[in-house]
Amino acid sequence: MKQTTWVIRPEDATDNDAIEALQAEAFGPGRFARTAFRIRENVAHREDLSFVGLAGGEVAGSIRLTPITIGGTDALLLGPLTVSPDFKNRGLGKALMRTAMEAAAAAGDRIVLLVGDAPYYSPFGFRQVPPGRITLPGPVDPARLLIALLNDGDLPSGMVHGGA
């Protein structure tokens, strides 16, 4: 029987090894060279906005939000969203997305940026960043640079830097 309901809870320090293993499996060693990973490097993710999805007692998925600035504006970088191959296409990624986005809105955050596929993320309020409006310190496909504005946030502009 395929699992379609999940236990989602805030991430804690004991989850780190399982999350690292999920990310290694999903993205491989090349993840360290990706621009989004480099932005998150040496910046602590927000513990209040990072969650795991459990199947039984096993960490089956994870999502993290990390503080960044865009120009001089505080924002969050979503990612990585990771789901174990054993649990893909069962709604866990979407459940983690809903949880993280609702928590960010409730915390008063206004801007969430990510690099990802618009068809997957648009139901969560993400849209493509207008070309040239936001720049990252490395290569990114502009069609995959997406933003969600929460709590009447305004569309920022400028260079993305890790840490807010």
C-alpha atoms as a PDB file:
ATOM      1  CA  MET A   1       0.000   0.000   0.000  1.00  0.00           C
ATOM      2  CA  LYS A   2       1.341   3.413  -0.951  1.00  0.00           C
ATOM      3  CA  GLN A   3       1.583   5.969   1.787  1.00  0.00           C
ATOM      4  CA  THR A   4      -0.309   9.188   1.052  1.00  0.00           C
ATOM      5  CA  THR A   5      -0.511  10.766   4.508  1.00  0.00           C
ATOM      6  CA  TRP A   6       2.583  12.020   6.255  1.00  0.00           C
ATOM      7  CA  VAL A   7       3.818  13.110   9.628  1.00  0.00           C
ATOM      8  CA  ILE A   8       5.513  16.450   9.134  1.00  0.00           C
ATOM      9  CA  ARG A   9       7.422  18.012  11.983  1.00  0.00           C
ATOM     10  CA  PRO A  10      10.097  20.648  12.483  1.00  0.00           C
ATOM     11  CA  GLU A  11      13.569  19.458  11.636  1.00  0.00           C
ATOM     12  CA  ASP A  12      15.906  18.904  14.575  1.00  0.00           C
ATOM     13  CA  ALA A  13      19.637  18.282  14.859  1.00  0.00           C
ATOM     14  CA  THR A  14      19.165  14.502  14.995  1.00  0.00           C
ATOM     15  CA  ASP A  15      17.746  14.608  11.436  1.00  0.00           C
ATOM     16  CA  ASN A  16      20.868  16.091   9.846  1.00  0.00           C
ATOM     17  CA  ASP A  17      22.549  12.819   8.803  1.00  0.00           C
ATOM     18  CA  ALA A  18      19.342  11.510   7.225  1.00  0.00           C
ATOM     19  CA  ILE A  19      18.795  14.820   5.401  1.00  0.00           C
ATOM     20  CA  GLU A  20      22.369  14.865   4.115  1.00  0.00           C
ATOM     21  CA  ALA A  21      21.922  11.287   2.841  1.00  0.00           C
ATOM     22  CA  LEU A  22      18.684  12.259   1.046  1.00  0.00           C
ATOM     23  CA  GLN A  23      20.376  15.243  -0.587  1.00  0.00           C
ATOM     24  CA  ALA A  24      23.383  13.169  -1.655  1.00  0.00           C
ATOM     25  CA  GLU A  25      21.086  10.573  -3.211  1.00  0.00           C
ATOM     26  CA  ALA A  26      18.879  13.142  -4.949  1.00  0.00           C
ATOM     27  CA  PHE A  27      21.488  15.617  -6.189  1.00  0.00           C
ATOM     28  CA  GLY A  28      24.821  13.771  -6.087  1.00  0.00           C
ATOM     29  CA  PRO A  29      28.211  15.367  -5.554  1.00  0.00           C
ATOM     30  CA  GLY A  30      27.494  18.005  -8.221  1.00  0.00           C
ATOM     31  CA  ARG A  31      25.151  19.731  -5.778  1.00  0.00           C
ATOM     32  CA  PHE A  32      28.096  21.495  -4.153  1.00  0.00           C
ATOM     33  CA  ALA A  33      28.822  23.409  -7.368  1.00  0.00           C
ATOM     34  CA  ARG A  34      25.248  24.630  -7.901  1.00  0.00           C
ATOM     35  CA  THR A  35      24.672  28.329  -7.392  1.00  0.00           C
ATOM     36  CA  ALA A  36      21.809  27.862  -4.895  1.00  0.00           C
ATOM     37  CA  PHE A  37      23.965  25.523  -2.795  1.00  0.00           C
ATOM     38  CA  ARG A  38      26.823  28.022  -2.839  1.00  0.00           C
ATOM     39  CA  ILE A  39      24.505  30.790  -1.591  1.00  0.00           C
ATOM     40  CA  ARG A  40      23.415  28.574   1.322  1.00  0.00           C
ATOM     41  CA  GLU A  41      26.995  27.593   2.133  1.00  0.00           C
ATOM     42  CA  ASN A  42      28.021  28.757   5.616  1.00  0.00           C
ATOM     43  CA  VAL A  43      24.557  30.210   6.280  1.00  0.00           C
ATOM     44  CA  ALA A  44      22.372  28.437   8.837  1.00  0.00           C
ATOM     45  CA  HIS A  45      18.904  27.548   7.611  1.00  0.00           C
ATOM     46  CA  ARG A  46      15.983  28.836   9.670  1.00  0.00           C
ATOM     47  CA  GLU A  47      15.135  26.147  12.201  1.00  0.00           C
ATOM     48  CA  ASP A  48      11.581  27.480  12.519  1.00  0.00           C
ATOM     49  CA  LEU A  49      11.086  27.075   8.756  1.00  0.00           C
ATOM     50  CA  SER A  50      12.752  23.708   8.131  1.00  0.00           C
ATOM     51  CA  PHE A  51      10.734  20.502   8.214  1.00  0.00           C
ATOM     52  CA  VAL A  52      10.990  16.767   7.697  1.00  0.00           C
ATOM     53  CA  GLY A  53       8.368  14.329   6.481  1.00  0.00           C
ATOM     54  CA  LEU A  54       8.316  10.963   8.160  1.00  0.00           C
ATOM     55  CA  ALA A  55       7.219   7.558   6.922  1.00  0.00           C
ATOM     56  CA  GLY A  56       7.053   5.476  10.067  1.00  0.00           C
ATOM     57  CA  GLY A  57      10.127   6.647  11.930  1.00  0.00           C
ATOM     58  CA  GLU A  58      12.143   7.233   8.756  1.00  0.00           C
ATOM     59  CA  VAL A  59      12.955  10.673   7.348  1.00  0.00           C
ATOM     60  CA  ALA A  60      11.435  10.402   3.880  1.00  0.00           C
ATOM     61  CA  GLY A  61      11.715  14.061   2.885  1.00  0.00           C
ATOM     62  CA  SER A  62      13.036  17.443   3.919  1.00  0.00           C
ATOM     63  CA  ILE A  63      12.632  21.128   3.166  1.00  0.00           C
ATOM     64  CA  ARG A  64      14.693  24.070   4.363  1.00  0.00           C
ATOM     65  CA  LEU A  65      14.413  27.836   4.122  1.00  0.00           C
ATOM     66  CA  THR A  66      17.584  29.891   4.479  1.00  0.00           C
ATOM     67  CA  PRO A  67      17.866  33.642   5.065  1.00  0.00           C
ATOM     68  CA  ILE A  68      19.259  35.674   2.164  1.00  0.00           C
ATOM     69  CA  THR A  69      19.200  39.246   0.976  1.00  0.00           C
ATOM     70  CA  ILE A  70      18.171  40.413  -2.481  1.00  0.00           C
ATOM     71  CA  GLY A  71      19.726  43.836  -2.968  1.00  0.00           C
ATOM     72  CA  GLY A  72      19.119  45.181   0.523  1.00  0.00           C
ATOM     73  CA  THR A  73      15.886  43.272   1.097  1.00  0.00           C
ATOM     74  CA  ASP A  74      15.587  40.360   3.526  1.00  0.00           C
ATOM     75  CA  ALA A  75      14.243  37.200   1.900  1.00  0.00           C
ATOM     76  CA  LEU A  76      14.371  33.418   2.111  1.00  0.00           C
ATOM     77  CA  LEU A  77      15.893  30.866  -0.255  1.00  0.00           C
ATOM     78  CA  LEU A  78      13.852  27.681  -0.429  1.00  0.00           C
ATOM     79  CA  GLY A  79      15.707  24.468  -0.785  1.00  0.00           C
ATOM     80  CA  PRO A  80      16.587  21.991  -1.142  1.00  0.00           C
ATOM     81  CA  LEU A  81      13.250  20.227  -1.193  1.00  0.00           C
ATOM     82  CA  THR A  82      14.228  16.574  -1.121  1.00  0.00           C
ATOM     83  CA  VAL A  83      12.125  13.401  -1.136  1.00  0.00           C
ATOM     84  CA  SER A  84      13.506   9.879  -1.000  1.00  0.00           C
ATOM     85  CA  PRO A  85      13.037   8.000  -4.280  1.00  0.00           C
ATOM     86  CA  ASP A  86      11.121   5.382  -2.278  1.00  0.00           C
ATOM     87  CA  PHE A  87       8.438   7.986  -1.506  1.00  0.00           C
ATOM     88  CA  LYS A  88       8.313  10.142  -4.650  1.00  0.00           C
ATOM     89  CA  ASN A  89       5.015  10.982  -6.365  1.00  0.00           C
ATOM     90  CA  ARG A  90       2.952  10.386  -3.236  1.00  0.00           C
ATOM     91  CA  GLY A  91       2.391  13.992  -2.170  1.00  0.00           C
ATOM     92  CA  LEU A  92       5.171  14.361   0.388  1.00  0.00           C
ATOM     93  CA  GLY A  93       6.980  17.138  -1.489  1.00  0.00           C
ATOM     94  CA  LYS A  94       3.749  19.106  -1.810  1.00  0.00           C
ATOM     95  CA  ALA A  95       2.918  18.586   1.860  1.00  0.00           C
ATOM     96  CA  LEU A  96       6.379  19.838   2.845  1.00  0.00           C
ATOM     97  CA  MET A  97       5.971  22.849   0.521  1.00  0.00           C
ATOM     98  CA  ARG A  98       2.586  23.769   2.014  1.00  0.00           C
ATOM     99  CA  THR A  99       3.962  23.449   5.550  1.00  0.00           C
ATOM    100  CA  ALA A 100       7.050  25.579   4.865  1.00  0.00           C
ATOM    101  CA  MET A 101       5.190  28.293   2.945  1.00  0.00           C
ATOM    102  CA  GLU A 102       2.439  28.535   5.589  1.00  0.00           C
ATOM    103  CA  ALA A 103       5.091  28.757   8.326  1.00  0.00           C
ATOM    104  CA  ALA A 104       6.992  31.493   6.452  1.00  0.00           C
ATOM    105  CA  ALA A 105       3.806  33.506   5.988  1.00  0.00           C
ATOM    106  CA  ALA A 106       2.838  33.040   9.653  1.00  0.00           C
ATOM    107  CA  ALA A 107       6.325  34.174  10.721  1.00  0.00           C
ATOM    108  CA  GLY A 108       5.831  37.409   8.783  1.00  0.00           C
ATOM    109  CA  ASP A 109       8.328  36.673   6.021  1.00  0.00           C
ATOM    110  CA  ARG A 110       7.576  38.407   2.747  1.00  0.00           C
ATOM    111  CA  ILE A 111       9.760  36.944  -0.003  1.00  0.00           C
ATOM    112  CA  VAL A 112      10.748  33.375  -0.907  1.00  0.00           C
ATOM    113  CA  LEU A 113      13.102  32.714  -3.814  1.00  0.00           C
ATOM    114  CA  LEU A 114      14.000  29.369  -5.372  1.00  0.00           C
ATOM    115  CA  VAL A 115      15.532  27.731  -8.392  1.00  0.00           C
ATOM    116  CA  GLY A 116      13.121  25.115  -9.711  1.00  0.00           C
ATOM    117  CA  ASP A 117      10.452  24.065 -12.178  1.00  0.00           C
ATOM    118  CA  ALA A 118       7.592  26.546 -12.518  1.00  0.00           C
ATOM    119  CA  PRO A 119       4.883  23.921 -13.176  1.00  0.00           C
ATOM    120  CA  TYR A 120       5.650  22.250  -9.830  1.00  0.00           C
ATOM    121  CA  TYR A 121       6.049  25.404  -7.732  1.00  0.00           C
ATOM    122  CA  SER A 122       3.432  27.739  -9.253  1.00  0.00           C
ATOM    123  CA  PRO A 123       0.553  26.237  -7.198  1.00  0.00           C
ATOM    124  CA  PHE A 124       2.411  27.476  -4.108  1.00  0.00           C
ATOM    125  CA  GLY A 125       2.430  31.067  -5.347  1.00  0.00           C
ATOM    126  CA  PHE A 126       5.729  31.084  -7.223  1.00  0.00           C
ATOM    127  CA  ARG A 127       6.194  32.891 -10.522  1.00  0.00           C
ATOM    128  CA  GLN A 128       9.150  33.522 -12.753  1.00  0.00           C
ATOM    129  CA  VAL A 129      11.362  36.461 -11.780  1.00  0.00           C
ATOM    130  CA  PRO A 130      11.334  39.083 -14.545  1.00  0.00           C
ATOM    131  CA  PRO A 131      14.608  38.780 -16.493  1.00  0.00           C
ATOM    132  CA  GLY A 132      17.430  40.863 -15.041  1.00  0.00           C
ATOM    133  CA  ARG A 133      15.497  41.843 -11.917  1.00  0.00           C
ATOM    134  CA  ILE A 134      17.334  39.503  -9.522  1.00  0.00           C
ATOM    135  CA  THR A 135      20.852  38.225 -10.091  1.00  0.00           C
ATOM    136  CA  LEU A 136      22.677  35.370  -8.439  1.00  0.00           C
ATOM    137  CA  PRO A 137      26.432  35.041  -7.922  1.00  0.00           C
ATOM    138  CA  GLY A 138      26.657  32.161 -10.376  1.00  0.00           C
ATOM    139  CA  PRO A 139      24.888  30.565 -13.315  1.00  0.00           C
ATOM    140  CA  VAL A 140      21.146  29.910 -13.107  1.00  0.00           C
ATOM    141  CA  ASP A 141      18.638  29.262 -15.872  1.00  0.00           C
ATOM    142  CA  PRO A 142      16.507  32.451 -15.719  1.00  0.00           C
ATOM    143  CA  ALA A 143      13.371  30.438 -16.527  1.00  0.00           C
ATOM    144  CA  ARG A 144      13.906  28.498 -13.286  1.00  0.00           C
ATOM    145  CA  LEU A 145      14.401  31.510 -10.993  1.00  0.00           C
ATOM    146  CA  LEU A 146      11.079  31.758  -9.162  1.00  0.00           C
ATOM    147  CA  ILE A 147       9.716  34.011  -6.446  1.00  0.00           C
ATOM    148  CA  ALA A 148       6.709  34.018  -4.128  1.00  0.00           C
ATOM    149  CA  LEU A 149       5.569  37.186  -2.385  1.00  0.00           C
ATOM    150  CA  LEU A 150       3.936  36.714   1.014  1.00  0.00           C
ATOM    151  CA  ASN A 151       2.253  39.210   3.331  1.00  0.00           C
ATOM    152  CA  ASP A 152       2.057  41.905   0.634  1.00  0.00           C
ATOM    153  CA  GLY A 153       5.779  41.668  -0.074  1.00  0.00           C
ATOM    154  CA  ASP A 154       7.159  43.772  -2.906  1.00  0.00           C
ATOM    155  CA  LEU A 155       9.205  42.354  -5.760  1.00  0.00           C
ATOM    156  CA  PRO A 156      12.834  43.100  -4.848  1.00  0.00           C
ATOM    157  CA  SER A 157      15.716  43.657  -7.206  1.00  0.00           C
ATOM    158  CA  GLY A 158      19.453  43.209  -6.991  1.00  0.00           C
ATOM    159  CA  MET A 159      22.097  40.618  -6.229  1.00  0.00           C
ATOM    160  CA  VAL A 160      21.356  37.659  -3.970  1.00  0.00           C
ATOM    161  CA  HIS A 161      23.647  37.135  -0.976  1.00  0.00           C
ATOM    162  CA  GLY A 162      23.528  34.470   1.715  1.00  0.00           C
ATOM    163  CA  GLY A 163      22.517  35.508   5.217  1.00  0.00           C
ATOM    164  CA  ALA A 164      20.009  38.194   6.047  1.00  0.00           C
END
